[in-house]
């Protein structure tokens, strides 16, 4: 290889490497790119939020939901998840037992209804 071509190749390779680094910085900082771990966490949070919303909706569909709200309000905060579990509102179709995080998020949603 001629010396003048070796210099062109050398700077061309460094330009490609620098360009790739700049593209990655822009992509992750402003482009909305995420790592698989971040994406997994965001997905789990979205699923939890949707299941909690379904739980609150199932609670509110009960014909006696106003009485249940009063009963829920009278229960100590650490026992409210058990109340939700006994009512079965935390279970999604096909589930035998719901996750504790769903129960807690459901309790938080119902507490917002009480404060209105």
N, C-alpha and C. Protein backbone atom coordinates (compact mmCIF):
# COMPACT_ATOMS: atom_id res chain seq x y z
N UNK A 1 0.85 -1.16 0.00
CA UNK A 1 0.00 0.00 0.00
C UNK A 1 0.90 1.23 0.00
N UNK A 2 0.49 2.20 -0.78
CA UNK A 2 1.27 3.43 -0.89
C UNK A 2 1.08 4.26 0.38
N UNK A 3 2.07 5.02 0.78
CA UNK A 3 1.98 5.82 2.00
C UNK A 3 0.83 6.82 1.97
N UNK A 4 0.53 7.42 0.82
CA UNK A 4 -0.58 8.39 0.77
C UNK A 4 -1.93 7.69 0.95
N UNK A 5 -2.06 6.45 0.49
CA UNK A 5 -3.29 5.68 0.68
C UNK A 5 -3.42 5.19 2.12
N UNK A 6 -2.30 4.85 2.75
CA UNK A 6 -2.32 4.38 4.14
C UNK A 6 -2.87 5.48 5.06
N UNK A 7 -2.50 6.72 4.80
CA UNK A 7 -3.00 7.83 5.60
C UNK A 7 -4.50 8.04 5.42
N UNK A 8 -4.98 7.88 4.18
CA UNK A 8 -6.41 8.01 3.91
C UNK A 8 -7.21 6.93 4.62
N UNK A 9 -6.68 5.69 4.58
CA UNK A 9 -7.36 4.58 5.24
C UNK A 9 -7.38 4.80 6.75
N UNK A 10 -6.25 5.22 7.29
CA UNK A 10 -6.15 5.44 8.73
C UNK A 10 -7.16 6.49 9.19
N UNK A 11 -7.23 7.64 8.52
CA UNK A 11 -8.17 8.69 8.92
C UNK A 11 -9.62 8.29 8.61
N UNK A 12 -9.81 7.48 7.58
CA UNK A 12 -11.15 6.99 7.27
C UNK A 12 -11.69 6.08 8.35
N UNK A 13 -10.82 5.18 8.86
CA UNK A 13 -11.23 4.28 9.94
C UNK A 13 -11.52 5.07 11.21
N UNK A 14 -10.66 6.02 11.53
CA UNK A 14 -10.90 6.84 12.73
C UNK A 14 -12.18 7.68 12.58
N UNK A 15 -12.47 8.11 11.37
CA UNK A 15 -13.71 8.84 11.13
C UNK A 15 -14.93 7.96 11.34
N UNK A 16 -14.87 6.71 10.88
CA UNK A 16 -15.97 5.77 11.10
C UNK A 16 -16.18 5.50 12.58
N UNK A 17 -15.09 5.29 13.31
CA UNK A 17 -15.20 5.02 14.75
C UNK A 17 -15.77 6.24 15.48
N UNK A 18 -15.27 7.42 15.17
CA UNK A 18 -15.78 8.65 15.80
C UNK A 18 -17.24 8.89 15.46
N UNK A 19 -17.61 8.65 14.21
CA UNK A 19 -19.00 8.81 13.79
C UNK A 19 -19.93 7.85 14.51
N UNK A 20 -19.48 6.60 14.68
CA UNK A 20 -20.29 5.61 15.39
C UNK A 20 -20.50 6.01 16.84
N UNK A 21 -19.46 6.52 17.48
CA UNK A 21 -19.58 6.96 18.87
C UNK A 21 -20.54 8.14 18.98
N UNK A 22 -20.45 9.08 18.07
CA UNK A 22 -21.35 10.24 18.10
C UNK A 22 -22.80 9.81 17.88
N UNK A 23 -23.02 8.90 16.94
CA UNK A 23 -24.38 8.41 16.68
C UNK A 23 -24.94 7.71 17.92
N UNK A 24 -24.12 6.91 18.61
CA UNK A 24 -24.60 6.23 19.83
C UNK A 24 -24.92 7.24 20.93
N UNK A 25 -24.10 8.24 21.10
CA UNK A 25 -24.36 9.25 22.13
C UNK A 25 -25.67 9.97 21.83
N UNK A 26 -25.86 10.40 20.59
CA UNK A 26 -27.09 11.09 20.22
C UNK A 26 -28.29 10.16 20.36
N UNK A 27 -28.15 8.91 19.93
CA UNK A 27 -29.26 7.96 20.00
C UNK A 27 -29.73 7.68 21.42
N UNK A 28 -28.79 7.46 22.33
CA UNK A 28 -29.18 7.17 23.71
C UNK A 28 -29.61 8.42 24.47
N UNK A 29 -28.99 9.56 24.17
CA UNK A 29 -29.32 10.78 24.90
C UNK A 29 -30.62 11.41 24.42
N UNK A 30 -30.80 11.52 23.11
CA UNK A 30 -31.96 12.25 22.59
C UNK A 30 -32.85 11.41 21.67
N UNK A 31 -32.35 10.28 21.20
CA UNK A 31 -33.08 9.49 20.22
C UNK A 31 -34.08 8.51 20.80
N UNK A 32 -34.08 8.33 22.10
CA UNK A 32 -35.03 7.42 22.71
C UNK A 32 -34.57 5.97 22.75
N UNK A 33 -33.32 5.72 22.42
CA UNK A 33 -32.81 4.36 22.49
C UNK A 33 -32.71 3.95 23.95
N UNK A 34 -32.94 2.69 24.24
CA UNK A 34 -32.80 2.19 25.61
C UNK A 34 -32.10 0.84 25.58
N UNK A 35 -31.57 0.48 26.73
CA UNK A 35 -30.97 -0.85 26.86
C UNK A 35 -32.08 -1.86 27.16
N UNK A 36 -31.76 -3.12 27.06
CA UNK A 36 -32.78 -4.16 27.31
C UNK A 36 -33.26 -4.14 28.75
N UNK A 37 -32.38 -3.82 29.68
CA UNK A 37 -32.77 -3.77 31.09
C UNK A 37 -33.77 -2.64 31.35
N UNK A 38 -33.51 -1.48 30.77
CA UNK A 38 -34.42 -0.35 30.92
C UNK A 38 -35.77 -0.66 30.29
N UNK A 39 -35.74 -1.28 29.13
CA UNK A 39 -36.98 -1.62 28.44
C UNK A 39 -37.78 -2.63 29.25
N UNK A 40 -37.10 -3.60 29.83
CA UNK A 40 -37.79 -4.61 30.65
C UNK A 40 -38.44 -3.96 31.87
N UNK A 41 -37.73 -3.05 32.52
CA UNK A 41 -38.27 -2.35 33.69
C UNK A 41 -39.49 -1.51 33.30
N UNK A 42 -39.41 -0.82 32.19
CA UNK A 42 -40.53 0.00 31.74
C UNK A 42 -41.74 -0.87 31.41
N UNK A 43 -41.49 -2.03 30.82
CA UNK A 43 -42.59 -2.94 30.48
C UNK A 43 -43.25 -3.48 31.74
N UNK A 44 -42.46 -3.87 32.73
CA UNK A 44 -43.02 -4.38 33.98
C UNK A 44 -43.85 -3.31 34.69
N UNK A 45 -43.39 -2.07 34.66
CA UNK A 45 -44.15 -0.98 35.28
C UNK A 45 -45.46 -0.73 34.55
N UNK A 46 -45.44 -0.82 33.23
CA UNK A 46 -46.66 -0.62 32.45
C UNK A 46 -47.67 -1.73 32.70
N UNK A 47 -47.19 -2.97 32.80
CA UNK A 47 -48.08 -4.10 33.08
C UNK A 47 -48.69 -3.95 34.48
N UNK A 48 -47.89 -3.56 35.45
CA UNK A 48 -48.38 -3.36 36.81
C UNK A 48 -49.45 -2.27 36.84
N UNK A 49 -49.21 -1.17 36.14
CA UNK A 49 -50.18 -0.08 36.12
C UNK A 49 -51.49 -0.52 35.48
N UNK A 50 -51.41 -1.29 34.40
CA UNK A 50 -52.65 -1.72 33.75
C UNK A 50 -53.40 -2.73 34.60
N UNK A 51 -52.68 -3.63 35.27
CA UNK A 51 -53.35 -4.60 36.15
C UNK A 51 -53.97 -3.90 37.35
N UNK A 52 -53.31 -2.89 37.88
CA UNK A 52 -53.89 -2.14 39.00
C UNK A 52 -55.16 -1.41 38.56
N UNK A 53 -55.15 -0.86 37.35
CA UNK A 53 -56.34 -0.18 36.84
C UNK A 53 -57.49 -1.16 36.66
N UNK A 54 -57.19 -2.36 36.20
CA UNK A 54 -58.22 -3.39 36.04
C UNK A 54 -58.77 -3.79 37.40
N UNK A 55 -57.90 -3.90 38.38
CA UNK A 55 -58.32 -4.26 39.74
C UNK A 55 -59.28 -3.20 40.30
N UNK A 56 -58.95 -1.94 40.14
CA UNK A 56 -59.81 -0.86 40.63
C UNK A 56 -61.15 -0.90 39.89
N UNK A 57 -61.11 -1.14 38.59
CA UNK A 57 -62.35 -1.20 37.81
C UNK A 57 -63.22 -2.37 38.26
N UNK A 58 -62.60 -3.52 38.55
CA UNK A 58 -63.36 -4.67 39.03
C UNK A 58 -63.97 -4.38 40.40
N UNK A 59 -63.24 -3.67 41.23
CA UNK A 59 -63.75 -3.27 42.54
C UNK A 59 -64.96 -2.36 42.38
N UNK A 60 -64.86 -1.39 41.48
CA UNK A 60 -65.93 -0.41 41.30
C UNK A 60 -67.14 -0.99 40.58
N UNK A 61 -66.99 -2.12 39.90
CA UNK A 61 -68.12 -2.75 39.21
C UNK A 61 -69.05 -3.48 40.16
N UNK A 62 -68.62 -3.69 41.37
CA UNK A 62 -69.45 -4.39 42.34
C UNK A 62 -70.71 -3.59 42.63
N UNK A 63 -71.85 -4.25 42.74
CA UNK A 63 -73.09 -3.51 42.98
C UNK A 63 -73.07 -2.73 44.30
N UNK A 64 -72.33 -3.22 45.26
CA UNK A 64 -72.28 -2.56 46.57
C UNK A 64 -70.93 -1.85 46.77
N UNK A 65 -70.38 -1.26 45.72
CA UNK A 65 -69.04 -0.67 45.81
C UNK A 65 -68.97 0.49 46.79
N UNK A 66 -70.04 1.20 47.01
CA UNK A 66 -69.99 2.31 47.98
C UNK A 66 -69.81 1.78 49.40
N UNK A 67 -70.50 0.68 49.71
CA UNK A 67 -70.32 0.05 51.03
C UNK A 67 -68.91 -0.52 51.15
N UNK A 68 -68.41 -1.10 50.06
CA UNK A 68 -67.06 -1.65 50.07
C UNK A 68 -66.01 -0.55 50.26
N UNK A 69 -66.25 0.61 49.66
CA UNK A 69 -65.33 1.74 49.86
C UNK A 69 -65.27 2.16 51.32
N UNK A 70 -66.43 2.21 51.97
CA UNK A 70 -66.47 2.57 53.40
C UNK A 70 -65.75 1.51 54.23
N UNK A 71 -65.98 0.25 53.89
CA UNK A 71 -65.31 -0.84 54.60
C UNK A 71 -63.80 -0.79 54.37
N UNK A 72 -63.41 -0.51 53.14
CA UNK A 72 -61.99 -0.41 52.79
C UNK A 72 -61.33 0.72 53.56
N UNK A 73 -62.02 1.83 53.68
CA UNK A 73 -61.48 3.00 54.39
C UNK A 73 -61.30 2.71 55.88
N UNK A 74 -62.17 1.89 56.44
CA UNK A 74 -62.10 1.58 57.87
C UNK A 74 -60.97 0.60 58.20
N UNK A 75 -60.50 -0.13 57.22
CA UNK A 75 -59.45 -1.14 57.45
C UNK A 75 -58.10 -0.44 57.59
N UNK A 76 -57.24 -0.99 58.45
CA UNK A 76 -55.88 -0.48 58.58
C UNK A 76 -55.15 -0.61 57.24
N UNK A 77 -54.24 0.31 56.98
CA UNK A 77 -53.59 0.35 55.67
C UNK A 77 -52.80 -0.92 55.36
N UNK A 78 -52.22 -1.56 56.37
CA UNK A 78 -51.43 -2.76 56.09
C UNK A 78 -52.29 -4.01 55.87
N UNK A 79 -53.59 -3.91 56.15
CA UNK A 79 -54.49 -5.04 55.94
C UNK A 79 -55.32 -4.88 54.66
N UNK A 80 -55.18 -3.77 53.99
CA UNK A 80 -56.01 -3.51 52.81
C UNK A 80 -55.71 -4.47 51.66
N UNK A 81 -54.46 -4.87 51.52
CA UNK A 81 -54.11 -5.82 50.45
C UNK A 81 -54.82 -7.15 50.66
N UNK A 82 -54.96 -7.57 51.91
CA UNK A 82 -55.70 -8.80 52.20
C UNK A 82 -57.17 -8.66 51.83
N UNK A 83 -57.73 -7.48 52.07
CA UNK A 83 -59.12 -7.21 51.71
C UNK A 83 -59.32 -7.32 50.19
N UNK A 84 -58.38 -6.78 49.45
CA UNK A 84 -58.44 -6.85 47.98
C UNK A 84 -58.32 -8.31 47.54
N UNK A 85 -57.43 -9.04 48.17
CA UNK A 85 -57.24 -10.45 47.81
C UNK A 85 -58.49 -11.27 48.11
N UNK A 86 -59.11 -11.03 49.27
CA UNK A 86 -60.32 -11.77 49.62
C UNK A 86 -61.45 -11.49 48.63
N UNK A 87 -61.53 -10.27 48.14
CA UNK A 87 -62.55 -9.91 47.16
C UNK A 87 -62.27 -10.50 45.79
N UNK A 88 -61.01 -10.86 45.52
CA UNK A 88 -60.64 -11.44 44.23
C UNK A 88 -60.50 -10.44 43.11
N UNK A 89 -60.46 -9.16 43.42
CA UNK A 89 -60.39 -8.13 42.38
C UNK A 89 -59.00 -8.02 41.78
N UNK A 90 -57.99 -8.52 42.48
CA UNK A 90 -56.62 -8.39 42.01
C UNK A 90 -56.23 -9.45 40.98
N UNK A 91 -57.03 -10.48 40.83
CA UNK A 91 -56.69 -11.56 39.90
C UNK A 91 -57.12 -11.20 38.49
N UNK A 92 -56.21 -11.45 37.57
CA UNK A 92 -56.51 -11.27 36.16
C UNK A 92 -57.01 -12.61 35.61
N UNK A 93 -57.73 -12.61 34.52
CA UNK A 93 -58.22 -13.87 33.95
C UNK A 93 -57.07 -14.85 33.72
N UNK A 94 -57.26 -16.06 34.21
CA UNK A 94 -56.25 -17.11 34.06
C UNK A 94 -55.25 -17.19 35.19
N UNK A 95 -55.27 -16.26 36.10
CA UNK A 95 -54.34 -16.27 37.23
C UNK A 95 -54.97 -16.99 38.42
N UNK A 96 -54.14 -17.75 39.13
CA UNK A 96 -54.61 -18.38 40.36
C UNK A 96 -54.41 -17.44 41.54
N UNK A 97 -53.27 -16.73 41.52
CA UNK A 97 -52.96 -15.80 42.60
C UNK A 97 -52.27 -14.58 42.00
N UNK A 98 -52.66 -13.43 42.47
CA UNK A 98 -52.07 -12.19 41.95
C UNK A 98 -50.78 -11.84 42.69
N UNK A 99 -49.99 -11.02 42.07
CA UNK A 99 -48.76 -10.54 42.65
C UNK A 99 -49.06 -9.51 43.74
N UNK A 100 -48.24 -9.46 44.77
CA UNK A 100 -48.46 -8.53 45.87
C UNK A 100 -48.39 -7.09 45.38
N UNK A 101 -47.51 -6.81 44.40
CA UNK A 101 -47.39 -5.44 43.89
C UNK A 101 -48.70 -4.97 43.25
N UNK A 102 -49.43 -5.89 42.63
CA UNK A 102 -50.73 -5.53 42.04
C UNK A 102 -51.71 -5.15 43.14
N UNK A 103 -51.69 -5.91 44.23
CA UNK A 103 -52.59 -5.60 45.35
C UNK A 103 -52.29 -4.22 45.92
N UNK A 104 -51.00 -3.92 46.11
CA UNK A 104 -50.62 -2.63 46.68
C UNK A 104 -50.99 -1.49 45.75
N UNK A 105 -50.74 -1.68 44.45
CA UNK A 105 -51.08 -0.64 43.48
C UNK A 105 -52.59 -0.45 43.40
N UNK A 106 -53.33 -1.54 43.52
CA UNK A 106 -54.79 -1.47 43.53
C UNK A 106 -55.27 -0.70 44.77
N UNK A 107 -54.67 -0.98 45.90
CA UNK A 107 -55.01 -0.25 47.13
C UNK A 107 -54.75 1.25 46.95
N UNK A 108 -53.63 1.58 46.33
CA UNK A 108 -53.32 2.99 46.10
C UNK A 108 -54.37 3.65 45.21
N UNK A 109 -54.80 2.91 44.19
CA UNK A 109 -55.84 3.44 43.30
C UNK A 109 -57.17 3.64 44.01
N UNK A 110 -57.54 2.70 44.85
CA UNK A 110 -58.80 2.81 45.58
C UNK A 110 -58.71 3.93 46.63
N UNK A 111 -57.55 4.11 47.23
CA UNK A 111 -57.37 5.20 48.18
C UNK A 111 -57.58 6.56 47.50
N UNK A 112 -57.20 6.67 46.24
CA UNK A 112 -57.43 7.92 45.51
C UNK A 112 -58.94 8.16 45.34
N UNK A 113 -59.71 7.09 45.20
CA UNK A 113 -61.15 7.24 45.07
C UNK A 113 -61.79 7.72 46.38
N UNK A 114 -61.21 7.27 47.49
CA UNK A 114 -61.74 7.65 48.80
C UNK A 114 -61.50 9.14 49.06
N UNK A 115 -60.36 9.65 48.63
CA UNK A 115 -59.97 11.03 48.93
C UNK A 115 -60.74 12.05 48.11
N UNK A 116 -61.51 11.61 47.12
CA UNK A 116 -62.26 12.57 46.30
C UNK A 116 -63.40 13.18 47.06
